[in-house]
Amino acid sequence: MMKLLHWLDEHFEELFIGIFSFVMVVVISVQVFMRYVLQDSLPWSEELARYCFIWLVYLGISYGVKKQKHMSVDVLYLALKGKSQAALRIVGNLLFLAFALFGLIYGYQITLKLLTWGQLSPALSLPVGFVYLAGPIGMGLTAIRLIQLIVQQVKILLGKEVPQ
């Protein structure tokens, strides 16, 4: 069980980002082939590609936090050294965590309303709430990744862990 949890911690976002990217590329490629070679089109392909992209973006936020690859203005970070720099990073990540929790809570409320209303997407007839579910799931994963990062940064600040 612990191996599974460790594997999910390491690869969850990568797995689903890979799946959504693959589906998106295949569907768009098939649509291009259908339009330009067969002179026909698939009515659902653009909608599926758009929904995959939405999920990819929200999972990508979490993945960016996990890998610490988000763009940032680091002038202030570079001006500071040692514990001051670590403390500023913690404050920045706490603010980001507040935003992620806000997105999680309100995204969940909106998703719940849409699932209750039963609205379906036009081409795929999927519940629209499933598409909106990308927001709270992505923000929830982002919050988890931020908490992991903050714990690591607090350990560095306290001298219990060496910065990577």
N, C-alpha and C. Protein backbone atom coordinates (compact mmCIF):
# COMPACT_ATOMS: atom_id res chain seq x y z
N MET A 1 0.83 -1.20 0.00
CA MET A 1 0.00 0.00 0.00
C MET A 1 0.87 1.26 0.00
N MET A 2 1.94 1.23 0.79
CA MET A 2 2.82 2.40 0.86
C MET A 2 3.52 2.64 -0.47
N LYS A 3 3.86 1.54 -1.18
CA LYS A 3 4.49 1.70 -2.49
C LYS A 3 3.54 2.39 -3.46
N LEU A 4 2.27 2.01 -3.40
CA LEU A 4 1.27 2.62 -4.27
C LEU A 4 1.12 4.11 -3.96
N LEU A 5 1.03 4.45 -2.68
CA LEU A 5 0.91 5.85 -2.28
C LEU A 5 2.14 6.65 -2.70
N HIS A 6 3.32 6.06 -2.53
CA HIS A 6 4.55 6.74 -2.95
C HIS A 6 4.55 6.94 -4.47
N TRP A 7 4.13 5.91 -5.22
CA TRP A 7 4.10 6.03 -6.67
C TRP A 7 3.11 7.12 -7.09
N LEU A 8 1.94 7.14 -6.46
CA LEU A 8 0.96 8.18 -6.78
C LEU A 8 1.50 9.57 -6.45
N ASP A 9 2.20 9.68 -5.32
CA ASP A 9 2.79 10.97 -4.94
C ASP A 9 3.80 11.42 -5.99
N GLU A 10 4.53 10.49 -6.52
CA GLU A 10 5.57 10.83 -7.51
C GLU A 10 5.02 11.05 -8.92
N HIS A 11 3.96 10.32 -9.30
CA HIS A 11 3.60 10.27 -10.72
C HIS A 11 2.14 10.59 -11.06
N PHE A 12 1.31 10.94 -10.09
CA PHE A 12 -0.12 11.13 -10.36
C PHE A 12 -0.37 12.16 -11.46
N GLU A 13 0.17 13.36 -11.27
CA GLU A 13 -0.07 14.41 -12.27
C GLU A 13 0.53 14.03 -13.62
N GLU A 14 1.73 13.47 -13.61
CA GLU A 14 2.38 13.09 -14.87
C GLU A 14 1.53 12.09 -15.65
N LEU A 15 0.97 11.12 -14.95
CA LEU A 15 0.15 10.10 -15.60
C LEU A 15 -1.04 10.74 -16.31
N PHE A 16 -1.80 11.55 -15.59
CA PHE A 16 -3.00 12.12 -16.19
C PHE A 16 -2.69 13.23 -17.19
N ILE A 17 -1.63 13.98 -16.98
CA ILE A 17 -1.23 14.98 -17.98
C ILE A 17 -0.85 14.26 -19.27
N GLY A 18 -0.16 13.14 -19.14
CA GLY A 18 0.21 12.34 -20.32
C GLY A 18 -1.01 11.79 -21.04
N ILE A 19 -1.97 11.27 -20.28
CA ILE A 19 -3.19 10.72 -20.88
C ILE A 19 -3.98 11.81 -21.60
N PHE A 20 -4.20 12.95 -20.92
CA PHE A 20 -4.97 14.02 -21.53
C PHE A 20 -4.24 14.61 -22.75
N SER A 21 -2.93 14.72 -22.68
CA SER A 21 -2.16 15.21 -23.83
C SER A 21 -2.28 14.26 -25.01
N PHE A 22 -2.14 12.98 -24.73
CA PHE A 22 -2.23 11.97 -25.79
C PHE A 22 -3.61 12.00 -26.45
N VAL A 23 -4.65 11.99 -25.65
CA VAL A 23 -6.02 12.01 -26.20
C VAL A 23 -6.23 13.27 -27.03
N MET A 24 -5.77 14.40 -26.52
CA MET A 24 -5.94 15.67 -27.22
C MET A 24 -5.24 15.66 -28.58
N VAL A 25 -4.00 15.20 -28.60
CA VAL A 25 -3.24 15.17 -29.86
C VAL A 25 -3.86 14.19 -30.85
N VAL A 26 -4.27 13.02 -30.38
CA VAL A 26 -4.87 12.03 -31.28
C VAL A 26 -6.19 12.55 -31.85
N VAL A 27 -7.03 13.11 -31.00
CA VAL A 27 -8.34 13.60 -31.46
C VAL A 27 -8.18 14.75 -32.45
N ILE A 28 -7.28 15.67 -32.16
CA ILE A 28 -7.06 16.79 -33.08
C ILE A 28 -6.47 16.29 -34.40
N SER A 29 -5.55 15.35 -34.33
CA SER A 29 -4.95 14.79 -35.55
C SER A 29 -5.99 14.09 -36.41
N VAL A 30 -6.85 13.30 -35.77
CA VAL A 30 -7.91 12.62 -36.50
C VAL A 30 -8.86 13.64 -37.12
N GLN A 31 -9.16 14.69 -36.39
CA GLN A 31 -10.05 15.73 -36.92
C GLN A 31 -9.44 16.42 -38.13
N VAL A 32 -8.14 16.72 -38.07
CA VAL A 32 -7.47 17.35 -39.21
C VAL A 32 -7.51 16.40 -40.42
N PHE A 33 -7.22 15.13 -40.19
CA PHE A 33 -7.28 14.14 -41.27
C PHE A 33 -8.69 14.07 -41.86
N MET A 34 -9.68 14.02 -40.99
CA MET A 34 -11.06 13.94 -41.47
C MET A 34 -11.44 15.15 -42.32
N ARG A 35 -11.06 16.33 -41.86
CA ARG A 35 -11.46 17.55 -42.57
C ARG A 35 -10.74 17.72 -43.91
N TYR A 36 -9.42 17.51 -43.91
CA TYR A 36 -8.64 17.84 -45.11
C TYR A 36 -8.47 16.67 -46.06
N VAL A 37 -8.57 15.45 -45.59
CA VAL A 37 -8.41 14.31 -46.48
C VAL A 37 -9.77 13.73 -46.87
N LEU A 38 -10.63 13.51 -45.90
CA LEU A 38 -11.92 12.90 -46.16
C LEU A 38 -13.05 13.90 -46.38
N GLN A 39 -12.74 15.19 -46.23
CA GLN A 39 -13.72 16.26 -46.42
C GLN A 39 -14.96 16.06 -45.54
N ASP A 40 -14.73 15.61 -44.32
CA ASP A 40 -15.81 15.39 -43.36
C ASP A 40 -15.27 15.81 -41.99
N SER A 41 -16.11 15.89 -41.01
CA SER A 41 -15.61 16.26 -39.69
C SER A 41 -16.34 15.48 -38.61
N LEU A 42 -15.72 15.44 -37.45
CA LEU A 42 -16.32 14.80 -36.29
C LEU A 42 -16.94 15.89 -35.42
N PRO A 43 -18.19 15.77 -35.07
CA PRO A 43 -18.84 16.85 -34.31
C PRO A 43 -18.37 16.96 -32.86
N TRP A 44 -17.73 15.94 -32.32
CA TRP A 44 -17.37 15.90 -30.91
C TRP A 44 -15.89 16.15 -30.63
N SER A 45 -15.06 16.16 -31.67
CA SER A 45 -13.61 16.18 -31.46
C SER A 45 -13.11 17.47 -30.82
N GLU A 46 -13.61 18.59 -31.26
CA GLU A 46 -13.15 19.87 -30.71
C GLU A 46 -13.54 20.00 -29.24
N GLU A 47 -14.74 19.53 -28.91
CA GLU A 47 -15.20 19.60 -27.53
C GLU A 47 -14.35 18.70 -26.63
N LEU A 48 -14.05 17.48 -27.08
CA LEU A 48 -13.22 16.57 -26.29
C LEU A 48 -11.81 17.13 -26.10
N ALA A 49 -11.25 17.69 -27.16
CA ALA A 49 -9.90 18.28 -27.07
C ALA A 49 -9.90 19.45 -26.09
N ARG A 50 -10.94 20.27 -26.12
CA ARG A 50 -11.05 21.40 -25.21
C ARG A 50 -11.14 20.93 -23.76
N TYR A 51 -11.94 19.92 -23.51
CA TYR A 51 -12.09 19.40 -22.15
C TYR A 51 -10.80 18.76 -21.64
N CYS A 52 -10.10 18.05 -22.52
CA CYS A 52 -8.79 17.49 -22.14
C CYS A 52 -7.82 18.61 -21.80
N PHE A 53 -7.86 19.68 -22.57
CA PHE A 53 -6.96 20.81 -22.32
C PHE A 53 -7.26 21.46 -20.97
N ILE A 54 -8.54 21.61 -20.64
CA ILE A 54 -8.92 22.20 -19.35
C ILE A 54 -8.37 21.36 -18.21
N TRP A 55 -8.55 20.05 -18.28
CA TRP A 55 -8.02 19.17 -17.24
C TRP A 55 -6.50 19.23 -17.20
N LEU A 56 -5.88 19.27 -18.37
CA LEU A 56 -4.43 19.34 -18.45
C LEU A 56 -3.89 20.59 -17.76
N VAL A 57 -4.55 21.71 -17.95
CA VAL A 57 -4.12 22.97 -17.34
C VAL A 57 -4.19 22.90 -15.82
N TYR A 58 -5.32 22.43 -15.28
CA TYR A 58 -5.47 22.38 -13.82
C TYR A 58 -4.52 21.38 -13.17
N LEU A 59 -4.30 20.25 -13.83
CA LEU A 59 -3.32 19.30 -13.30
C LEU A 59 -1.90 19.85 -13.47
N GLY A 60 -1.70 20.62 -14.51
CA GLY A 60 -0.39 21.24 -14.76
C GLY A 60 0.00 22.24 -13.68
N ILE A 61 -0.98 22.91 -13.08
CA ILE A 61 -0.68 23.83 -11.98
C ILE A 61 -0.07 23.05 -10.83
N SER A 62 -0.70 21.94 -10.48
CA SER A 62 -0.20 21.10 -9.40
C SER A 62 1.18 20.54 -9.74
N TYR A 63 1.35 20.10 -10.97
CA TYR A 63 2.64 19.55 -11.40
C TYR A 63 3.73 20.62 -11.35
N GLY A 64 3.39 21.84 -11.74
CA GLY A 64 4.35 22.94 -11.68
C GLY A 64 4.79 23.24 -10.26
N VAL A 65 3.86 23.16 -9.32
CA VAL A 65 4.21 23.37 -7.90
C VAL A 65 5.11 22.24 -7.43
N LYS A 66 4.75 21.02 -7.78
CA LYS A 66 5.54 19.85 -7.35
C LYS A 66 6.99 19.96 -7.83
N LYS A 67 7.16 20.37 -9.07
CA LYS A 67 8.50 20.48 -9.66
C LYS A 67 9.13 21.86 -9.44
N GLN A 68 8.40 22.76 -8.78
CA GLN A 68 8.85 24.13 -8.53
C GLN A 68 9.29 24.82 -9.83
N LYS A 69 8.43 24.75 -10.83
CA LYS A 69 8.73 25.28 -12.16
C LYS A 69 7.84 26.44 -12.58
N HIS A 70 7.05 26.98 -11.64
CA HIS A 70 6.21 28.11 -12.01
C HIS A 70 7.06 29.36 -12.20
N MET A 71 6.62 30.20 -13.12
CA MET A 71 7.31 31.46 -13.32
C MET A 71 7.15 32.32 -12.08
N SER A 72 8.18 33.06 -11.75
CA SER A 72 8.08 33.97 -10.61
C SER A 72 9.06 35.12 -10.80
N VAL A 73 8.76 36.19 -10.13
CA VAL A 73 9.67 37.33 -10.11
C VAL A 73 10.58 37.10 -8.90
N ASP A 74 11.83 36.83 -9.17
CA ASP A 74 12.72 36.42 -8.08
C ASP A 74 13.75 37.47 -7.70
N VAL A 75 13.51 38.72 -8.05
CA VAL A 75 14.45 39.79 -7.70
C VAL A 75 14.62 39.88 -6.19
N LEU A 76 13.51 39.84 -5.47
CA LEU A 76 13.57 39.92 -4.02
C LEU A 76 14.23 38.68 -3.42
N TYR A 77 13.92 37.51 -3.98
CA TYR A 77 14.55 36.28 -3.50
C TYR A 77 16.07 36.34 -3.66
N LEU A 78 16.51 36.87 -4.80
CA LEU A 78 17.95 36.95 -5.07
C LEU A 78 18.64 37.96 -4.17
N ALA A 79 17.90 38.97 -3.74
CA ALA A 79 18.48 40.00 -2.87
C ALA A 79 18.67 39.48 -1.44
N LEU A 80 17.87 38.47 -1.09
CA LEU A 80 17.95 37.91 0.26
C LEU A 80 18.82 36.65 0.26
N LYS A 81 19.31 36.31 1.43
CA LYS A 81 20.13 35.10 1.57
C LYS A 81 19.64 34.29 2.76
N GLY A 82 19.92 33.01 2.73
CA GLY A 82 19.71 32.14 3.88
C GLY A 82 18.27 32.06 4.35
N LYS A 83 18.11 32.26 5.66
CA LYS A 83 16.80 32.09 6.29
C LYS A 83 15.79 33.14 5.83
N SER A 84 16.25 34.33 5.50
CA SER A 84 15.34 35.37 5.01
C SER A 84 14.71 34.94 3.69
N GLN A 85 15.52 34.36 2.83
CA GLN A 85 15.03 33.89 1.55
C GLN A 85 14.03 32.74 1.75
N ALA A 86 14.36 31.81 2.64
CA ALA A 86 13.46 30.69 2.93
C ALA A 86 12.14 31.18 3.51
N ALA A 87 12.20 32.16 4.41
CA ALA A 87 10.99 32.71 5.02
C ALA A 87 10.11 33.38 3.97
N LEU A 88 10.72 34.12 3.05
CA LEU A 88 9.95 34.77 1.99
C LEU A 88 9.28 33.74 1.08
N ARG A 89 9.97 32.67 0.79
CA ARG A 89 9.38 31.61 -0.02
C ARG A 89 8.18 30.97 0.69
N ILE A 90 8.30 30.80 1.99
CA ILE A 90 7.19 30.23 2.76
C ILE A 90 5.99 31.16 2.71
N VAL A 91 6.22 32.46 2.89
CA VAL A 91 5.12 33.43 2.84
C VAL A 91 4.45 33.41 1.46
N GLY A 92 5.26 33.39 0.41
CA GLY A 92 4.71 33.33 -0.94
C GLY A 92 3.88 32.08 -1.17
N ASN A 93 4.37 30.95 -0.68
CA ASN A 93 3.63 29.70 -0.85
C ASN A 93 2.38 29.65 0.02
N LEU A 94 2.40 30.30 1.18
CA LEU A 94 1.19 30.38 2.00
C LEU A 94 0.10 31.21 1.29
N LEU A 95 0.52 32.28 0.62
CA LEU A 95 -0.44 33.08 -0.15
C LEU A 95 -1.01 32.27 -1.32
N PHE A 96 -0.14 31.52 -1.98
CA PHE A 96 -0.56 30.66 -3.08
C PHE A 96 -1.51 29.58 -2.55
N LEU A 97 -1.22 29.04 -1.36
CA LEU A 97 -2.08 28.04 -0.74
C LEU A 97 -3.46 28.62 -0.45
N ALA A 98 -3.51 29.86 0.02
CA ALA A 98 -4.80 30.51 0.27
C ALA A 98 -5.61 30.61 -1.02
N PHE A 99 -4.94 30.97 -2.12
CA PHE A 99 -5.60 31.04 -3.42
C PHE A 99 -6.09 29.66 -3.86
N ALA A 100 -5.26 28.63 -3.68
CA ALA A 100 -5.65 27.28 -4.08
C ALA A 100 -6.85 26.80 -3.27
N LEU A 101 -6.87 27.09 -1.99
CA LEU A 101 -8.01 26.70 -1.15
C LEU A 101 -9.28 27.45 -1.55
N PHE A 102 -9.13 28.73 -1.88
CA PHE A 102 -10.26 29.51 -2.39
C PHE A 102 -10.80 28.87 -3.66
N GLY A 103 -9.90 28.54 -4.59
CA GLY A 103 -10.32 27.88 -5.84
C GLY A 103 -10.95 26.53 -5.60
N LEU A 104 -10.43 25.79 -4.64
CA LEU A 104 -10.99 24.48 -4.30
C LEU A 104 -12.41 24.62 -3.76
N ILE A 105 -12.60 25.51 -2.81
CA ILE A 105 -13.91 25.66 -2.16
C ILE A 105 -14.96 26.17 -3.14
N TYR A 106 -14.67 27.26 -3.83
CA TYR A 106 -15.66 27.83 -4.74
C TYR A 106 -15.82 27.00 -6.01
N GLY A 107 -14.75 26.37 -6.46
CA GLY A 107 -14.86 25.46 -7.60
C GLY A 107 -15.73 24.27 -7.29
N TYR A 108 -15.60 23.76 -6.07
CA TYR A 108 -16.43 22.64 -5.64
C TYR A 108 -17.90 23.06 -5.58
N GLN A 109 -18.18 24.24 -5.06
CA GLN A 109 -19.57 24.70 -4.97
C GLN A 109 -20.20 24.86 -6.35
N ILE A 110 -19.44 25.42 -7.28
CA ILE A 110 -19.95 25.60 -8.65
C ILE A 110 -20.16 24.25 -9.31
N THR A 111 -19.19 23.34 -9.14
CA THR A 111 -19.29 22.01 -9.73
C THR A 111 -20.51 21.27 -9.20
N LEU A 112 -20.72 21.35 -7.90
CA LEU A 112 -21.85 20.68 -7.29
C LEU A 112 -23.18 21.20 -7.86
N LYS A 113 -23.27 22.51 -8.05
CA LYS A 113 -24.49 23.09 -8.64
C LYS A 113 -24.71 22.57 -10.05
N LEU A 114 -23.63 22.55 -10.84
CA LEU A 114 -23.76 22.09 -12.23
C LEU A 114 -24.12 20.61 -12.31
N LEU A 115 -23.55 19.81 -11.41
CA LEU A 115 -23.90 18.39 -11.39
C LEU A 115 -25.36 18.19 -10.96
N THR A 116 -25.81 19.03 -10.04
CA THR A 116 -27.20 18.95 -9.57
C THR A 116 -28.17 19.34 -10.68
N TRP A 117 -27.82 20.37 -11.44
CA TRP A 117 -28.69 20.84 -12.52
C TRP A 117 -28.76 19.84 -13.67
N GLY A 118 -27.70 19.03 -13.83
CA GLY A 118 -27.72 18.01 -14.87
C GLY A 118 -27.46 18.51 -16.28
N GLN A 119 -26.84 19.68 -16.42
CA GLN A 119 -26.55 20.22 -17.75
C GLN A 119 -25.56 19.32 -18.47
N LEU A 120 -25.83 19.05 -19.75
CA LEU A 120 -24.97 18.19 -20.56
C LEU A 120 -24.24 19.00 -21.62
N SER A 121 -23.05 18.56 -21.98
CA SER A 121 -22.30 19.23 -23.05
C SER A 121 -22.98 18.95 -24.39
N PRO A 122 -22.86 19.87 -25.34
CA PRO A 122 -23.61 19.74 -26.59
C PRO A 122 -23.23 18.53 -27.45
N ALA A 123 -21.96 18.27 -27.65
CA ALA A 123 -21.56 17.23 -28.59
C ALA A 123 -21.39 15.86 -27.94
N LEU A 124 -20.79 15.82 -26.76
CA LEU A 124 -20.50 14.55 -26.10
C LEU A 124 -21.59 14.10 -25.13
N SER A 125 -22.49 14.99 -24.79
CA SER A 125 -23.55 14.73 -23.81
C SER A 125 -22.99 14.28 -22.46
N LEU A 126 -21.84 14.85 -22.10
CA LEU A 126 -21.25 14.61 -20.78
C LEU A 126 -21.81 15.63 -19.80
N PRO A 127 -21.96 15.26 -18.54
CA PRO A 127 -22.35 16.28 -17.56
C PRO A 127 -21.28 17.38 -17.50
N VAL A 128 -21.70 18.61 -17.67
CA VAL A 128 -20.79 19.75 -17.68
C VAL A 128 -20.04 19.85 -16.35
N GLY A 129 -20.66 19.38 -15.28
CA GLY A 129 -20.01 19.38 -13.98
C GLY A 129 -18.70 18.62 -13.97
N PHE A 130 -18.58 17.57 -14.81
CA PHE A 130 -17.33 16.81 -14.88
C PHE A 130 -16.19 17.67 -15.43
N VAL A 131 -16.52 18.55 -16.34
CA VAL A 131 -15.49 19.46 -16.87
C VAL A 131 -15.09 20.45 -15.79
N TYR A 132 -16.07 20.99 -15.09
CA TYR A 132 -15.79 21.96 -14.02
C TYR A 132 -15.10 21.30 -12.82
N LEU A 133 -15.19 20.01 -12.70
CA LEU A 133 -14.54 19.28 -11.61
C LEU A 133 -13.02 19.40 -11.71
N ALA A 134 -12.52 19.74 -12.89
CA ALA A 134 -11.08 19.93 -13.06
C ALA A 134 -10.55 21.02 -12.13
N GLY A 135 -11.34 22.06 -11.91
CA GLY A 135 -10.92 23.17 -11.05
C GLY A 135 -10.68 22.74 -9.61
N PRO A 136 -11.68 22.21 -8.93
CA PRO A 136 -11.45 21.82 -7.54
C PRO A 136 -10.43 20.68 -7.39
N ILE A 137 -10.42 19.74 -8.32
CA ILE A 137 -9.43 18.67 -8.21
C ILE A 137 -8.03 19.22 -8.42
N GLY A 138 -7.86 20.06 -9.44
CA GLY A 138 -6.55 20.67 -9.68
C GLY A 138 -6.09 21.55 -8.53
N MET A 139 -7.02 22.35 -7.99
CA MET A 139 -6.66 23.22 -6.86
C MET A 139 -6.42 22.41 -5.58
N GLY A 140 -7.16 21.31 -5.41
CA GLY A 140 -6.91 20.43 -4.27
C GLY A 140 -5.54 19.80 -4.34
N LEU A 141 -5.17 19.30 -5.52
CA LEU A 141 -3.83 18.74 -5.69
C LEU A 141 -2.75 19.82 -5.51
N THR A 142 -3.04 21.01 -6.00
CA THR A 142 -2.10 22.12 -5.84
C THR A 142 -1.92 22.43 -4.36
N ALA A 143 -3.01 22.44 -3.60
CA ALA A 143 -2.92 22.69 -2.16
C ALA A 143 -2.07 21.62 -1.47
N ILE A 144 -2.27 20.36 -1.85
CA ILE A 144 -1.47 19.28 -1.27
C ILE A 144 0.01 19.48 -1.60
N ARG A 145 0.31 19.80 -2.84
CA ARG A 145 1.70 20.00 -3.26
C ARG A 145 2.31 21.22 -2.55
N LEU A 146 1.52 22.26 -2.36
CA LEU A 146 2.01 23.43 -1.65
C LEU A 146 2.30 23.12 -0.18
N ILE A 147 1.43 22.34 0.44
CA ILE A 147 1.68 21.95 1.84
C ILE A 147 2.96 21.13 1.93
N GLN A 148 3.16 20.19 0.99
CA GLN A 148 4.40 19.41 0.98
C GLN A 148 5.61 20.34 0.84
N LEU A 149 5.50 21.32 -0.04
CA LEU A 149 6.60 22.25 -0.28
C LEU A 149 6.85 23.14 0.94
N ILE A 150 5.79 23.62 1.57
CA ILE A 150 5.93 24.47 2.76
C ILE A 150 6.59 23.69 3.89
N VAL A 151 6.19 22.44 4.08
CA VAL A 151 6.81 21.61 5.13
C VAL A 151 8.31 21.47 4.85
N GLN A 152 8.64 21.20 3.61
CA GLN A 152 10.06 21.08 3.23
C GLN A 152 10.80 22.41 3.48
N GLN A 153 10.18 23.53 3.15
CA GLN A 153 10.82 24.83 3.34
C GLN A 153 10.96 25.18 4.82
N VAL A 154 9.99 24.79 5.64
CA VAL A 154 10.10 25.02 7.08
C VAL A 154 11.25 24.20 7.64
N LYS A 155 11.42 22.97 7.17
CA LYS A 155 12.54 22.14 7.62
C LYS A 155 13.87 22.79 7.24
N ILE A 156 13.93 23.35 6.06
CA ILE A 156 15.15 24.05 5.63
C ILE A 156 15.39 25.27 6.53
N LEU A 157 14.33 26.01 6.80
CA LEU A 157 14.42 27.20 7.64
C LEU A 157 14.92 26.84 9.04
N LEU A 158 14.48 25.70 9.55
CA LEU A 158 14.88 25.25 10.89
C LEU A 158 16.22 24.51 10.89
N GLY A 159 16.78 24.33 9.69
CA GLY A 159 18.09 23.68 9.60
C GLY A 159 18.03 22.17 9.67
N LYS A 160 16.85 21.59 9.50
CA LYS A 160 16.69 20.14 9.59
C LYS A 160 16.82 19.45 8.25
N GLU A 161 16.91 20.22 7.17
CA GLU A 161 17.03 19.65 5.85
C GLU A 161 17.90 20.56 5.01
N VAL A 162 18.69 19.97 4.13
CA VAL A 162 19.58 20.73 3.26
C VAL A 162 18.80 21.12 2.00
N PRO A 163 18.89 22.40 1.55
CA PRO A 163 18.20 22.80 0.33
C PRO A 163 18.69 22.01 -0.87
N GLN A 164 17.77 21.74 -1.81
CA GLN A 164 18.14 20.97 -3.00
C GLN A 164 18.61 21.87 -4.09
